[in-house]
PDB file of N, CA and C in Angstrom:
ATOM      1  N   PRO A   1      38.254 -14.392 -60.985  1.00  0.00           N
ATOM      2  CA  PRO A   1      39.667 -14.742 -60.867  1.00  0.00           C
ATOM      3  C   PRO A   1      39.847 -16.143 -60.311  1.00  0.00           C
ATOM      4  N   LEU A   2      40.960 -16.734 -60.651  1.00  0.00           N
ATOM      5  CA  LEU A   2      41.321 -18.053 -60.166  1.00  0.00           C
ATOM      6  C   LEU A   2      42.578 -17.921 -59.321  1.00  0.00           C
ATOM      7  N   VAL A   3      42.563 -18.555 -58.162  1.00  0.00           N
ATOM      8  CA  VAL A   3      43.689 -18.453 -57.241  1.00  0.00           C
ATOM      9  C   VAL A   3      44.185 -19.846 -56.920  1.00  0.00           C
ATOM     10  N   GLU A   4      45.437 -20.105 -57.273  1.00  0.00           N
ATOM     11  CA  GLU A   4      46.027 -21.410 -57.050  1.00  0.00           C
ATOM     12  C   GLU A   4      46.800 -21.427 -55.739  1.00  0.00           C
ATOM     13  N   SER A   5      46.899 -22.615 -55.171  1.00  0.00           N
ATOM     14  CA  SER A   5      47.724 -22.815 -53.989  1.00  0.00           C
ATOM     15  C   SER A   5      48.278 -24.228 -54.027  1.00  0.00           C
ATOM     16  N   GLY A   6      49.248 -24.453 -53.152  1.00  0.00           N
ATOM     17  CA  GLY A   6      49.891 -25.757 -53.108  1.00  0.00           C
ATOM     18  C   GLY A   6      51.219 -25.689 -53.833  1.00  0.00           C
ATOM     19  N   GLY A   7      51.616 -26.802 -54.426  1.00  0.00           N
ATOM     20  CA  GLY A   7      52.864 -26.809 -55.157  1.00  0.00           C
ATOM     21  C   GLY A   7      54.063 -26.811 -54.239  1.00  0.00           C
ATOM     22  N   GLY A   8      55.215 -26.475 -54.807  1.00  0.00           N
ATOM     23  CA  GLY A   8      56.443 -26.447 -54.033  1.00  0.00           C
ATOM     24  C   GLY A   8      57.442 -27.454 -54.544  1.00  0.00           C
ATOM     25  N   LEU A   9      58.191 -28.016 -53.616  1.00  0.00           N
ATOM     26  CA  LEU A   9      59.281 -28.930 -53.944  1.00  0.00           C
ATOM     27  C   LEU A   9      58.944 -30.339 -53.500  1.00  0.00           C
ATOM     28  N   ALA A  10      59.215 -31.297 -54.368  1.00  0.00           N
ATOM     29  CA  ALA A  10      59.009 -32.699 -54.034  1.00  0.00           C
ATOM     30  C   ALA A  10      60.159 -33.513 -54.599  1.00  0.00           C
ATOM     31  N   GLN A  11      60.427 -34.623 -53.982  1.00  0.00           N
ATOM     32  CA  GLN A  11      61.433 -35.539 -54.495  1.00  0.00           C
ATOM     33  C   GLN A  11      60.808 -36.431 -55.555  1.00  0.00           C
ATOM     34  N   PRO A  12      61.590 -36.961 -56.456  1.00  0.00           N
ATOM     35  CA  PRO A  12      61.053 -37.927 -57.420  1.00  0.00           C
ATOM     36  C   PRO A  12      60.357 -39.067 -56.700  1.00  0.00           C
ATOM     37  N   GLY A  13      59.187 -39.412 -57.198  1.00  0.00           N
ATOM     38  CA  GLY A  13      58.371 -40.426 -56.549  1.00  0.00           C
ATOM     39  C   GLY A  13      57.441 -39.891 -55.493  1.00  0.00           C
ATOM     40  N   GLY A  14      57.592 -38.624 -55.158  1.00  0.00           N
ATOM     41  CA  GLY A  14      56.766 -38.015 -54.138  1.00  0.00           C
ATOM     42  C   GLY A  14      55.447 -37.494 -54.675  1.00  0.00           C
ATOM     43  N   SER A  15      54.729 -36.797 -53.807  1.00  0.00           N
ATOM     44  CA  SER A  15      53.401 -36.286 -54.145  1.00  0.00           C
ATOM     45  C   SER A  15      53.262 -34.818 -53.773  1.00  0.00           C
ATOM     46  N   LEU A  16      52.430 -34.153 -54.526  1.00  0.00           N
ATOM     47  CA  LEU A  16      52.039 -32.776 -54.229  1.00  0.00           C
ATOM     48  C   LEU A  16      50.593 -32.601 -54.629  1.00  0.00           C
ATOM     49  N   SER A  17      49.955 -31.625 -54.027  1.00  0.00           N
ATOM     50  CA  SER A  17      48.572 -31.328 -54.353  1.00  0.00           C
ATOM     51  C   SER A  17      48.425 -29.855 -54.687  1.00  0.00           C
ATOM     52  N   LEU A  18      47.683 -29.559 -55.733  1.00  0.00           N
ATOM     53  CA  LEU A  18      47.381 -28.193 -56.118  1.00  0.00           C
ATOM     54  C   LEU A  18      45.881 -27.942 -55.972  1.00  0.00           C
ATOM     55  N   SER A  19      45.557 -26.735 -55.582  1.00  0.00           N
ATOM     56  CA  SER A  19      44.150 -26.330 -55.507  1.00  0.00           C
ATOM     57  C   SER A  19      43.962 -25.028 -56.259  1.00  0.00           C
ATOM     58  N   CYS A  20      42.776 -24.850 -56.779  1.00  0.00           N
ATOM     59  CA  CYS A  20      42.432 -23.634 -57.502  1.00  0.00           C
ATOM     60  C   CYS A  20      41.018 -23.237 -57.091  1.00  0.00           C
ATOM     61  N   VAL A  21      40.907 -22.050 -56.547  1.00  0.00           N
ATOM     62  CA  VAL A  21      39.605 -21.565 -56.109  1.00  0.00           C
ATOM     63  C   VAL A  21      39.107 -20.503 -57.078  1.00  0.00           C
ATOM     64  N   GLY A  22      37.882 -20.701 -57.562  1.00  0.00           N
ATOM     65  CA  GLY A  22      37.277 -19.724 -58.438  1.00  0.00           C
ATOM     66  C   GLY A  22      36.286 -18.868 -57.672  1.00  0.00           C
ATOM     67  N   SER A  23      35.698 -17.945 -58.360  1.00  0.00           N
ATOM     68  CA  SER A  23      34.717 -17.076 -57.726  1.00  0.00           C
ATOM     69  C   SER A  23      33.491 -16.974 -58.613  1.00  0.00           C
ATOM     70  N   GLY A  24      32.385 -16.600 -58.014  1.00  0.00           N
ATOM     71  CA  GLY A  24      31.173 -16.440 -58.799  1.00  0.00           C
ATOM     72  C   GLY A  24      30.240 -17.628 -58.667  1.00  0.00           C
ATOM     73  N   ARG A  25      28.983 -17.321 -58.872  1.00  0.00           N
ATOM     74  CA  ARG A  25      27.978 -18.358 -58.708  1.00  0.00           C
ATOM     75  C   ARG A  25      27.884 -19.299 -59.890  1.00  0.00           C
ATOM     76  N   THR A  26      28.608 -18.982 -60.986  1.00  0.00           N
ATOM     77  CA  THR A  26      28.507 -19.809 -62.184  1.00  0.00           C
ATOM     78  C   THR A  26      29.664 -20.785 -62.318  1.00  0.00           C
ATOM     79  N   PHE A  27      30.422 -21.012 -61.249  1.00  0.00           N
ATOM     80  CA  PHE A  27      31.589 -21.900 -61.324  1.00  0.00           C
ATOM     81  C   PHE A  27      31.212 -23.249 -61.892  1.00  0.00           C
ATOM     82  N   SER A  28      30.041 -23.757 -61.531  1.00  0.00           N
ATOM     83  CA  SER A  28      29.629 -25.084 -61.980  1.00  0.00           C
ATOM     84  C   SER A  28      29.393 -25.146 -63.485  1.00  0.00           C
ATOM     85  N   SER A  29      29.275 -23.998 -64.124  1.00  0.00           N
ATOM     86  CA  SER A  29      29.060 -23.952 -65.572  1.00  0.00           C
ATOM     87  C   SER A  29      30.364 -23.957 -66.364  1.00  0.00           C
ATOM     88  N   TYR A  30      31.476 -23.973 -65.665  1.00  0.00           N
ATOM     89  CA  TYR A  30      32.778 -23.914 -66.320  1.00  0.00           C
ATOM     90  C   TYR A  30      33.472 -25.268 -66.312  1.00  0.00           C
ATOM     91  N   SER A  31      34.017 -25.619 -67.447  1.00  0.00           N
ATOM     92  CA  SER A  31      34.965 -26.727 -67.486  1.00  0.00           C
ATOM     93  C   SER A  31      36.314 -26.168 -67.024  1.00  0.00           C
ATOM     94  N   MET A  32      37.046 -26.984 -66.297  1.00  0.00           N
ATOM     95  CA  MET A  32      38.291 -26.521 -65.689  1.00  0.00           C
ATOM     96  C   MET A  32      39.471 -27.337 -66.199  1.00  0.00           C
ATOM     97  N   GLY A  33      40.613 -26.691 -66.264  1.00  0.00           N
ATOM     98  CA  GLY A  33      41.799 -27.390 -66.736  1.00  0.00           C
ATOM     99  C   GLY A  33      43.039 -26.995 -65.959  1.00  0.00           C
ATOM    100  N   TRP A  34      44.014 -27.852 -66.038  1.00  0.00           N
ATOM    101  CA  TRP A  34      45.356 -27.551 -65.529  1.00  0.00           C
ATOM    102  C   TRP A  34      46.320 -27.629 -66.705  1.00  0.00           C
ATOM    103  N   PHE A  35      47.145 -26.623 -66.802  1.00  0.00           N
ATOM    104  CA  PHE A  35      48.208 -26.569 -67.789  1.00  0.00           C
ATOM    105  C   PHE A  35      49.523 -26.373 -67.039  1.00  0.00           C
ATOM    106  N   ARG A  36      50.612 -26.588 -67.741  1.00  0.00           N
ATOM    107  CA  ARG A  36      51.916 -26.344 -67.116  1.00  0.00           C
ATOM    108  C   ARG A  36      52.901 -25.807 -68.156  1.00  0.00           C
ATOM    109  N   GLN A  37      53.869 -25.062 -67.652  1.00  0.00           N
ATOM    110  CA  GLN A  37      54.898 -24.510 -68.517  1.00  0.00           C
ATOM    111  C   GLN A  37      56.264 -24.866 -67.945  1.00  0.00           C
ATOM    112  N   PRO A  38      56.905 -25.878 -68.516  1.00  0.00           N
ATOM    113  CA  PRO A  38      58.247 -26.237 -68.054  1.00  0.00           C
ATOM    114  C   PRO A  38      59.237 -25.124 -68.371  1.00  0.00           C
ATOM    115  N   PRO A  39      60.347 -25.081 -67.682  1.00  0.00           N
ATOM    116  CA  PRO A  39      61.344 -24.033 -67.938  1.00  0.00           C
ATOM    117  C   PRO A  39      61.785 -24.022 -69.397  1.00  0.00           C
ATOM    118  N   GLY A  40      61.697 -22.867 -70.015  1.00  0.00           N
ATOM    119  CA  GLY A  40      62.153 -22.716 -71.387  1.00  0.00           C
ATOM    120  C   GLY A  40      61.247 -23.311 -72.449  1.00  0.00           C
ATOM    121  N   LYS A  41      60.058 -23.756 -72.040  1.00  0.00           N
ATOM    122  CA  LYS A  41      59.148 -24.392 -73.001  1.00  0.00           C
ATOM    123  C   LYS A  41      57.810 -23.686 -73.028  1.00  0.00           C
ATOM    124  N   ASP A  42      56.979 -24.065 -74.000  1.00  0.00           N
ATOM    125  CA  ASP A  42      55.649 -23.493 -74.102  1.00  0.00           C
ATOM    126  C   ASP A  42      54.703 -24.105 -73.076  1.00  0.00           C
ATOM    127  N   ARG A  43      53.614 -23.397 -72.831  1.00  0.00           N
ATOM    128  CA  ARG A  43      52.592 -23.922 -71.943  1.00  0.00           C
ATOM    129  C   ARG A  43      51.925 -25.128 -72.593  1.00  0.00           C
ATOM    130  N   GLU A  44      51.673 -26.151 -71.780  1.00  0.00           N
ATOM    131  CA  GLU A  44      51.111 -27.383 -72.315  1.00  0.00           C
ATOM    132  C   GLU A  44      49.949 -27.885 -71.467  1.00  0.00           C
ATOM    133  N   PHE A  45      49.064 -28.595 -72.119  1.00  0.00           N
ATOM    134  CA  PHE A  45      47.895 -29.159 -71.454  1.00  0.00           C
ATOM    135  C   PHE A  45      48.305 -30.307 -70.538  1.00  0.00           C
ATOM    136  N   VAL A  46      47.631 -30.388 -69.394  1.00  0.00           N
ATOM    137  CA  VAL A  46      47.850 -31.494 -68.468  1.00  0.00           C
ATOM    138  C   VAL A  46      46.572 -32.317 -68.296  1.00  0.00           C
ATOM    139  N   VAL A  47      45.499 -31.649 -67.902  1.00  0.00           N
ATOM    140  CA  VAL A  47      44.252 -32.364 -67.621  1.00  0.00           C
ATOM    141  C   VAL A  47      43.097 -31.385 -67.621  1.00  0.00           C
ATOM    142  N   ALA A  48      41.908 -31.892 -67.942  1.00  0.00           N
ATOM    143  CA  ALA A  48      40.706 -31.066 -67.879  1.00  0.00           C
ATOM    144  C   ALA A  48      39.556 -31.889 -67.332  1.00  0.00           C
ATOM    145  N   ILE A  49      38.597 -31.187 -66.747  1.00  0.00           N
ATOM    146  CA  ILE A  49      37.381 -31.824 -66.243  1.00  0.00           C
ATOM    147  C   ILE A  49      36.207 -30.981 -66.698  1.00  0.00           C
ATOM    148  N   ARG A  50      35.203 -31.629 -67.250  1.00  0.00           N
ATOM    149  CA  ARG A  50      34.045 -30.913 -67.761  1.00  0.00           C
ATOM    150  C   ARG A  50      33.219 -30.320 -66.625  1.00  0.00           C
ATOM    151  N   SER A  51      32.359 -29.390 -66.996  1.00  0.00           N
ATOM    152  CA  SER A  51      31.527 -28.728 -66.005  1.00  0.00           C
ATOM    153  C   SER A  51      30.641 -29.716 -65.271  1.00  0.00           C
ATOM    154  N   SER A  52      30.254 -30.779 -65.920  1.00  0.00           N
ATOM    155  CA  SER A  52      29.429 -31.791 -65.266  1.00  0.00           C
ATOM    156  C   SER A  52      30.220 -32.629 -64.287  1.00  0.00           C
ATOM    157  N   GLY A  53      31.546 -32.617 -64.442  1.00  0.00           N
ATOM    158  CA  GLY A  53      32.404 -33.397 -63.564  1.00  0.00           C
ATOM    159  C   GLY A  53      32.494 -34.851 -63.946  1.00  0.00           C
ATOM    160  N   GLY A  54      31.732 -35.269 -64.955  1.00  0.00           N
ATOM    161  CA  GLY A  54      31.687 -36.678 -65.298  1.00  0.00           C
ATOM    162  C   GLY A  54      32.700 -37.115 -66.338  1.00  0.00           C
ATOM    163  N   TYR A  55      33.426 -36.169 -66.908  1.00  0.00           N
ATOM    164  CA  TYR A  55      34.394 -36.500 -67.957  1.00  0.00           C
ATOM    165  C   TYR A  55      35.701 -35.806 -67.666  1.00  0.00           C
ATOM    166  N   THR A  56      36.780 -36.586 -67.735  1.00  0.00           N
ATOM    167  CA  THR A  56      38.108 -36.027 -67.554  1.00  0.00           C
ATOM    168  C   THR A  56      39.001 -36.419 -68.723  1.00  0.00           C
ATOM    169  N   ASP A  57      39.981 -35.595 -68.994  1.00  0.00           N
ATOM    170  CA  ASP A  57      40.895 -35.815 -70.113  1.00  0.00           C
ATOM    171  C   ASP A  57      42.297 -35.552 -69.621  1.00  0.00           C
ATOM    172  N   TYR A  58      43.144 -36.570 -69.670  1.00  0.00           N
ATOM    173  CA  TYR A  58      44.510 -36.461 -69.182  1.00  0.00           C
ATOM    174  C   TYR A  58      45.494 -36.604 -70.342  1.00  0.00           C
ATOM    175  N   VAL A  59      46.536 -35.833 -70.304  1.00  0.00           N
ATOM    176  CA  VAL A  59      47.624 -36.060 -71.235  1.00  0.00           C
ATOM    177  C   VAL A  59      48.291 -37.385 -70.857  1.00  0.00           C
ATOM    178  N   ASP A  60      48.773 -38.120 -71.842  1.00  0.00           N
ATOM    179  CA  ASP A  60      49.289 -39.465 -71.582  1.00  0.00           C
ATOM    180  C   ASP A  60      50.388 -39.497 -70.518  1.00  0.00           C
ATOM    181  N   SER A  61      51.205 -38.481 -70.485  1.00  0.00           N
ATOM    182  CA  SER A  61      52.366 -38.497 -69.590  1.00  0.00           C
ATOM    183  C   SER A  61      51.996 -38.457 -68.108  1.00  0.00           C
ATOM    184  N   VAL A  62      50.752 -38.101 -67.789  1.00  0.00           N
ATOM    185  CA  VAL A  62      50.357 -38.030 -66.376  1.00  0.00           C
ATOM    186  C   VAL A  62      49.275 -39.041 -66.013  1.00  0.00           C
ATOM    187  N   LYS A  63      48.788 -39.772 -66.975  1.00  0.00           N
ATOM    188  CA  LYS A  63      47.739 -40.753 -66.699  1.00  0.00           C
ATOM    189  C   LYS A  63      48.213 -41.763 -65.665  1.00  0.00           C
ATOM    190  N   GLY A  64      47.342 -42.034 -64.701  1.00  0.00           N
ATOM    191  CA  GLY A  64      47.680 -42.975 -63.647  1.00  0.00           C
ATOM    192  C   GLY A  64      48.482 -42.366 -62.519  1.00  0.00           C
ATOM    193  N   ARG A  65      48.943 -41.136 -62.695  1.00  0.00           N
ATOM    194  CA  ARG A  65      49.719 -40.463 -61.642  1.00  0.00           C
ATOM    195  C   ARG A  65      49.008 -39.236 -61.099  1.00  0.00           C
ATOM    196  N   PHE A  66      48.333 -38.518 -61.954  1.00  0.00           N
ATOM    197  CA  PHE A  66      47.638 -37.298 -61.553  1.00  0.00           C
ATOM    198  C   PHE A  66      46.132 -37.547 -61.527  1.00  0.00           C
ATOM    199  N   THR A  67      45.449 -36.865 -60.612  1.00  0.00           N
ATOM    200  CA  THR A  67      43.990 -36.969 -60.526  1.00  0.00           C
ATOM    201  C   THR A  67      43.393 -35.586 -60.341  1.00  0.00           C
ATOM    202  N   ILE A  68      42.469 -35.241 -61.223  1.00  0.00           N
ATOM    203  CA  ILE A  68      41.764 -33.967 -61.103  1.00  0.00           C
ATOM    204  C   ILE A  68      40.407 -34.213 -60.460  1.00  0.00           C
ATOM    205  N   SER A  69      39.979 -33.256 -59.666  1.00  0.00           N
ATOM    206  CA  SER A  69      38.653 -33.333 -59.070  1.00  0.00           C
ATOM    207  C   SER A  69      38.117 -31.921 -58.896  1.00  0.00           C
ATOM    208  N   ARG A  70      36.813 -31.818 -58.731  1.00  0.00           N
ATOM    209  CA  ARG A  70      36.221 -30.501 -58.531  1.00  0.00           C
ATOM    210  C   ARG A  70      35.129 -30.592 -57.477  1.00  0.00           C
ATOM    211  N   ASP A  71      34.942 -29.495 -56.783  1.00  0.00           N
ATOM    212  CA  ASP A  71      33.884 -29.371 -55.789  1.00  0.00           C
ATOM    213  C   ASP A  71      33.186 -28.051 -56.077  1.00  0.00           C
ATOM    214  N   ASP A  72      32.067 -28.123 -56.729  1.00  0.00           N
ATOM    215  CA  ASP A  72      31.365 -26.894 -57.111  1.00  0.00           C
ATOM    216  C   ASP A  72      30.826 -26.136 -55.905  1.00  0.00           C
ATOM    217  N   ALA A  73      30.564 -26.828 -54.816  1.00  0.00           N
ATOM    218  CA  ALA A  73      30.057 -26.153 -53.621  1.00  0.00           C
ATOM    219  C   ALA A  73      31.083 -25.180 -53.065  1.00  0.00           C
ATOM    220  N   THR A  74      32.361 -25.520 -53.205  1.00  0.00           N
ATOM    221  CA  THR A  74      33.421 -24.645 -52.708  1.00  0.00           C
ATOM    222  C   THR A  74      34.167 -23.959 -53.845  1.00  0.00           C
ATOM    223  N   THR A  75      33.658 -24.105 -55.048  1.00  0.00           N
ATOM    224  CA  THR A  75      34.263 -23.532 -56.264  1.00  0.00           C
ATOM    225  C   THR A  75      35.748 -23.841 -56.344  1.00  0.00           C
ATOM    226  N   THR A  76      36.082 -25.101 -56.135  1.00  0.00           N
ATOM    227  CA  THR A  76      37.471 -25.522 -56.090  1.00  0.00           C
ATOM    228  C   THR A  76      37.719 -26.661 -57.071  1.00  0.00           C
ATOM    229  N   VAL A  77      38.840 -26.585 -57.764  1.00  0.00           N
ATOM    230  CA  VAL A  77      39.315 -27.703 -58.556  1.00  0.00           C
ATOM    231  C   VAL A  77      40.696 -28.069 -58.031  1.00  0.00           C
ATOM    232  N   SER A  78      40.936 -29.354 -57.893  1.00  0.00           N
ATOM    233  CA  SER A  78      42.176 -29.823 -57.285  1.00  0.00           C
ATOM    234  C   SER A  78      42.921 -30.749 -58.241  1.00  0.00           C
ATOM    235  N   LEU A  79      44.219 -30.810 -58.038  1.00  0.00           N
ATOM    236  CA  LEU A  79      45.057 -31.718 -58.816  1.00  0.00           C
ATOM    237  C   LEU A  79      45.979 -32.445 -57.853  1.00  0.00           C
ATOM    238  N   GLN A  80      45.742 -33.733 -57.705  1.00  0.00           N
ATOM    239  CA  GLN A  80      46.611 -34.569 -56.882  1.00  0.00           C
ATOM    240  C   GLN A  80      47.661 -35.182 -57.799  1.00  0.00           C
ATOM    241  N   MET A  81      48.918 -34.948 -57.463  1.00  0.00           N
ATOM    242  CA  MET A  81      50.022 -35.417 -58.293  1.00  0.00           C
ATOM    243  C   MET A  81      50.852 -36.421 -57.502  1.00  0.00           C
ATOM    244  N   ASN A  82      50.870 -37.647 -57.956  1.00  0.00           N
ATOM    245  CA  ASN A  82      51.631 -38.714 -57.310  1.00  0.00           C
ATOM    246  C   ASN A  82      52.724 -39.210 -58.236  1.00  0.00           C
ATOM    247  N   SER A  83      53.640 -39.962 -57.678  1.00  0.00           N
ATOM    248  CA  SER A  83      54.747 -40.538 -58.455  1.00  0.00           C
ATOM    249  C   SER A  83      55.401 -39.476 -59.336  1.00  0.00           C
ATOM    250  N   LEU A  84      55.705 -38.369 -58.736  1.00  0.00           N
ATOM    251  CA  LEU A  84      56.242 -37.238 -59.491  1.00  0.00           C
ATOM    252  C   LEU A  84      57.602 -37.557 -60.101  1.00  0.00           C
ATOM    253  N   LYS A  85      57.832 -36.960 -61.255  1.00  0.00           N
ATOM    254  CA  LYS A  85      59.079 -37.138 -61.984  1.00  0.00           C
ATOM    255  C   LYS A  85      59.732 -35.773 -62.199  1.00  0.00           C
ATOM    256  N   PRO A  86      61.028 -35.737 -62.383  1.00  0.00           N
ATOM    257  CA  PRO A  86      61.685 -34.455 -62.652  1.00  0.00           C
ATOM    258  C   PRO A  86      61.076 -33.713 -63.839  1.00  0.00           C
ATOM    259  N   GLU A  87      60.591 -34.436 -64.817  1.00  0.00           N
ATOM    260  CA  GLU A  87      59.996 -33.784 -65.986  1.00  0.00           C
ATOM    261  C   GLU A  87      58.633 -33.158 -65.696  1.00  0.00           C
ATOM    262  N   ASP A  88      58.108 -33.370 -64.499  1.00  0.00           N
ATOM    263  CA  ASP A  88      56.879 -32.682 -64.095  1.00  0.00           C
ATOM    264  C   ASP A  88      57.169 -31.268 -63.592  1.00  0.00           C
ATOM    265  N   THR A  89      58.433 -30.932 -63.460  1.00  0.00           N
ATOM    266  CA  THR A  89      58.810 -29.600 -63.009  1.00  0.00           C
ATOM    267  C   THR A  89      58.304 -28.547 -63.980  1.00  0.00           C
ATOM    268  N   ALA A  90      57.544 -27.597 -63.457  1.00  0.00           N
ATOM    269  CA  ALA A  90      56.936 -26.569 -64.300  1.00  0.00           C
ATOM    270  C   ALA A  90      56.176 -25.589 -63.423  1.00  0.00           C
ATOM    271  N   VAL A  91      55.755 -24.505 -64.026  1.00  0.00           N
ATOM    272  CA  VAL A  91      54.758 -23.641 -63.407  1.00  0.00           C
ATOM    273  C   VAL A  91      53.391 -24.155 -63.854  1.00  0.00           C
ATOM    274  N   TYR A  92      52.536 -24.434 -62.897  1.00  0.00           N
ATOM    275  CA  TYR A  92      51.219 -25.005 -63.175  1.00  0.00           C
ATOM    276  C   TYR A  92      50.162 -23.912 -63.114  1.00  0.00           C
ATOM    277  N   TYR A  93      49.271 -23.939 -64.104  1.00  0.00           N
ATOM    278  CA  TYR A  93      48.222 -22.945 -64.218  1.00  0.00           C
ATOM    279  C   TYR A  93      46.850 -23.612 -64.201  1.00  0.00           C
ATOM    280  N   CYS A  94      45.954 -23.032 -63.450  1.00  0.00           N
ATOM    281  CA  CYS A  94      44.547 -23.401 -63.473  1.00  0.00           C
ATOM    282  C   CYS A  94      43.851 -22.533 -64.511  1.00  0.00           C
ATOM    283  N   ALA A  95      42.888 -23.110 -65.229  1.00  0.00           N
ATOM    284  CA  ALA A  95      42.188 -22.363 -66.264  1.00  0.00           C
ATOM    285  C   ALA A  95      40.718 -22.750 -66.301  1.00  0.00           C
ATOM    286  N   ALA A  96      39.892 -21.806 -66.726  1.00  0.00           N
ATOM    287  CA  ALA A  96      38.446 -22.028 -66.790  1.00  0.00           C
ATOM    288  C   ALA A  96      37.932 -21.757 -68.196  1.00  0.00           C
ATOM    289  N   ARG A  97      37.009 -22.590 -68.624  1.00  0.00           N
ATOM    290  CA  ARG A  97      36.402 -22.469 -69.949  1.00  0.00           C
ATOM    291  C   ARG A  97      34.883 -22.582 -69.779  1.00  0.00           C
ATOM    292  N   TYR A  98      34.162 -21.582 -70.199  1.00  0.00           N
ATOM    293  CA  TYR A  98      32.720 -21.605 -70.005  1.00  0.00           C
ATOM    294  C   TYR A  98      32.073 -22.675 -70.874  1.00  0.00           C
ATOM    295  N   GLY A  99      31.230 -23.476 -70.262  1.00  0.00           N
ATOM    296  CA  GLY A  99      30.501 -24.504 -70.999  1.00  0.00           C
ATOM    297  C   GLY A  99      30.982 -25.898 -70.661  1.00  0.00           C
ATOM    298  N   ALA A 100      30.344 -26.856 -71.277  1.00  0.00           N
ATOM    299  CA  ALA A 100      30.575 -28.260 -70.951  1.00  0.00           C
ATOM    300  C   ALA A 100      31.558 -28.952 -71.889  1.00  0.00           C
ATOM    301  N   THR A 101      32.077 -28.223 -72.854  1.00  0.00           N
ATOM    302  CA  THR A 101      32.975 -28.848 -73.826  1.00  0.00           C
ATOM    303  C   THR A 101      34.406 -28.846 -73.325  1.00  0.00           C
ATOM    304  N   SER A 102      35.051 -29.973 -73.401  1.00  0.00           N
ATOM    305  CA  SER A 102      36.447 -30.072 -72.988  1.00  0.00           C
ATOM    306  C   SER A 102      37.360 -29.619 -74.115  1.00  0.00           C
ATOM    307  N   SER A 103      38.533 -29.136 -73.771  1.00  0.00           N
ATOM    308  CA  SER A 103      39.503 -28.713 -74.766  1.00  0.00           C
ATOM    309  C   SER A 103      40.904 -28.860 -74.200  1.00  0.00           C
ATOM    310  N   ARG A 104      41.878 -29.002 -75.083  1.00  0.00           N
ATOM    311  CA  ARG A 104      43.279 -29.054 -74.691  1.00  0.00           C
ATOM    312  C   ARG A 104      44.027 -27.801 -75.138  1.00  0.00           C
ATOM    313  N   ARG A 105      43.309 -26.885 -75.734  1.00  0.00           N
ATOM    314  CA  ARG A 105      43.965 -25.698 -76.299  1.00  0.00           C
ATOM    315  C   ARG A 105      43.892 -24.523 -75.336  1.00  0.00           C
ATOM    316  N   THR A 106      45.017 -23.857 -75.143  1.00  0.00           N
ATOM    317  CA  THR A 106      45.035 -22.708 -74.243  1.00  0.00           C
ATOM    318  C   THR A 106      44.101 -21.609 -74.721  1.00  0.00           C
ATOM    319  N   VAL A 107      43.953 -21.454 -76.009  1.00  0.00           N
ATOM    320  CA  VAL A 107      43.129 -20.360 -76.542  1.00  0.00           C
ATOM    321  C   VAL A 107      41.648 -20.544 -76.232  1.00  0.00           C
ATOM    322  N   ASP A 108      41.258 -21.757 -75.875  1.00  0.00           N
ATOM    323  CA  ASP A 108      39.850 -22.029 -75.581  1.00  0.00           C
ATOM    324  C   ASP A 108      39.458 -21.728 -74.147  1.00  0.00           C
ATOM    325  N   PHE A 109      40.420 -21.386 -73.320  1.00  0.00           N
ATOM    326  CA  PHE A 109      40.143 -21.113 -71.909  1.00  0.00           C
ATOM    327  C   PHE A 109      40.068 -19.610 -71.669  1.00  0.00           C
ATOM    328  N   ASP A 110      39.052 -19.209 -70.893  1.00  0.00           N
ATOM    329  CA  ASP A 110      38.730 -17.801 -70.728  1.00  0.00           C
ATOM    330  C   ASP A 110      39.489 -17.122 -69.598  1.00  0.00           C
ATOM    331  N   SER A 111      39.718 -17.864 -68.531  1.00  0.00           N
ATOM    332  CA  SER A 111      40.347 -17.272 -67.353  1.00  0.00           C
ATOM    333  C   SER A 111      41.506 -18.144 -66.895  1.00  0.00           C
ATOM    334  N   TRP A 112      42.507 -17.486 -66.320  1.00  0.00           N
ATOM    335  CA  TRP A 112      43.716 -18.180 -65.883  1.00  0.00           C
ATOM    336  C   TRP A 112      44.131 -17.723 -64.493  1.00  0.00           C
ATOM    337  N   GLY A 113      44.692 -18.669 -63.760  1.00  0.00           N
ATOM    338  CA  GLY A 113      45.307 -18.310 -62.498  1.00  0.00           C
ATOM    339  C   GLY A 113      46.684 -17.711 -62.729  1.00  0.00           C
ATOM    340  N   GLN A 114      47.316 -17.335 -61.643  1.00  0.00           N
ATOM    341  CA  GLN A 114      48.605 -16.658 -61.740  1.00  0.00           C
ATOM    342  C   GLN A 114      49.757 -17.624 -61.944  1.00  0.00           C
ATOM    343  N   GLY A 115      49.509 -18.901 -61.739  1.00  0.00           N
ATOM    344  CA  GLY A 115      50.565 -19.894 -61.889  1.00  0.00           C
ATOM    345  C   GLY A 115      51.242 -20.177 -60.566  1.00  0.00           C
ATOM    346  N   ILE A 116      51.612 -21.439 -60.372  1.00  0.00           N
ATOM    347  CA  ILE A 116      52.277 -21.833 -59.141  1.00  0.00           C
ATOM    348  C   ILE A 116      53.382 -22.836 -59.492  1.00  0.00           C
ATOM    349  N   PRO A 117      54.578 -22.628 -58.964  1.00  0.00           N
ATOM    350  CA  PRO A 117      55.694 -23.494 -59.348  1.00  0.00           C
ATOM    351  C   PRO A 117      55.678 -24.840 -58.643  1.00  0.00           C
ATOM    352  N   VAL A 118      56.046 -25.848 -59.399  1.00  0.00           N
ATOM    353  CA  VAL A 118      56.247 -27.203 -58.893  1.00  0.00           C
ATOM    354  C   VAL A 118      57.638 -27.640 -59.332  1.00  0.00           C
ATOM    355  N   THR A 119      58.438 -28.062 -58.368  1.00  0.00           N
ATOM    356  CA  THR A 119      59.792 -28.531 -58.660  1.00  0.00           C
ATOM    357  C   THR A 119      59.952 -29.943 -58.133  1.00  0.00           C
ATOM    358  N   VAL A 120      60.396 -30.822 -59.005  1.00  0.00           N
ATOM    359  CA  VAL A 120      60.626 -32.207 -58.613  1.00  0.00           C
ATOM    360  C   VAL A 120      62.122 -32.476 -58.771  1.00  0.00           C
ATOM    361  N   SER A 121      62.768 -32.641 -57.650  1.00  0.00           N
ATOM    362  CA  SER A 121      64.222 -32.790 -57.667  1.00  0.00           C
ATOM    363  C   SER A 121      64.683 -33.475 -56.401  1.00  0.00           C
ATOM    364  N   SER A 122      65.750 -34.233 -56.512  1.00  0.00           N
ATOM    365  CA  SER A 122      66.342 -34.856 -55.339  1.00  0.00           C
ATOM    366  C   SER A 122      67.430 -33.969 -54.753  1.00  0.00           C
TER     367      SER A 122
END
């Protein structure tokens, strides 16, 4: 299972941090991703990091503002979100995909967290 924490309310231009803790000794073998589902919209890709940690893939709308990182020793993947915009408002989901291949498709991810809300509003 994946357990997310963090999130909440931020003003435009502010920052929030999300964390996702996995379980199991094979965490390092999983590529990890963050997706989000804005109100009334479909779930969408945000960012992914390969199991090796050496490759990241960001959707254009968050490049330069969001940073993904992972710590296999603590089985944690984090998402630092800076310069937040109202359009970043969504429920954010952590996801795991076994193997070293990155993907932007929800169907390619094996496990999902419960989701955590992020609201950006003044």
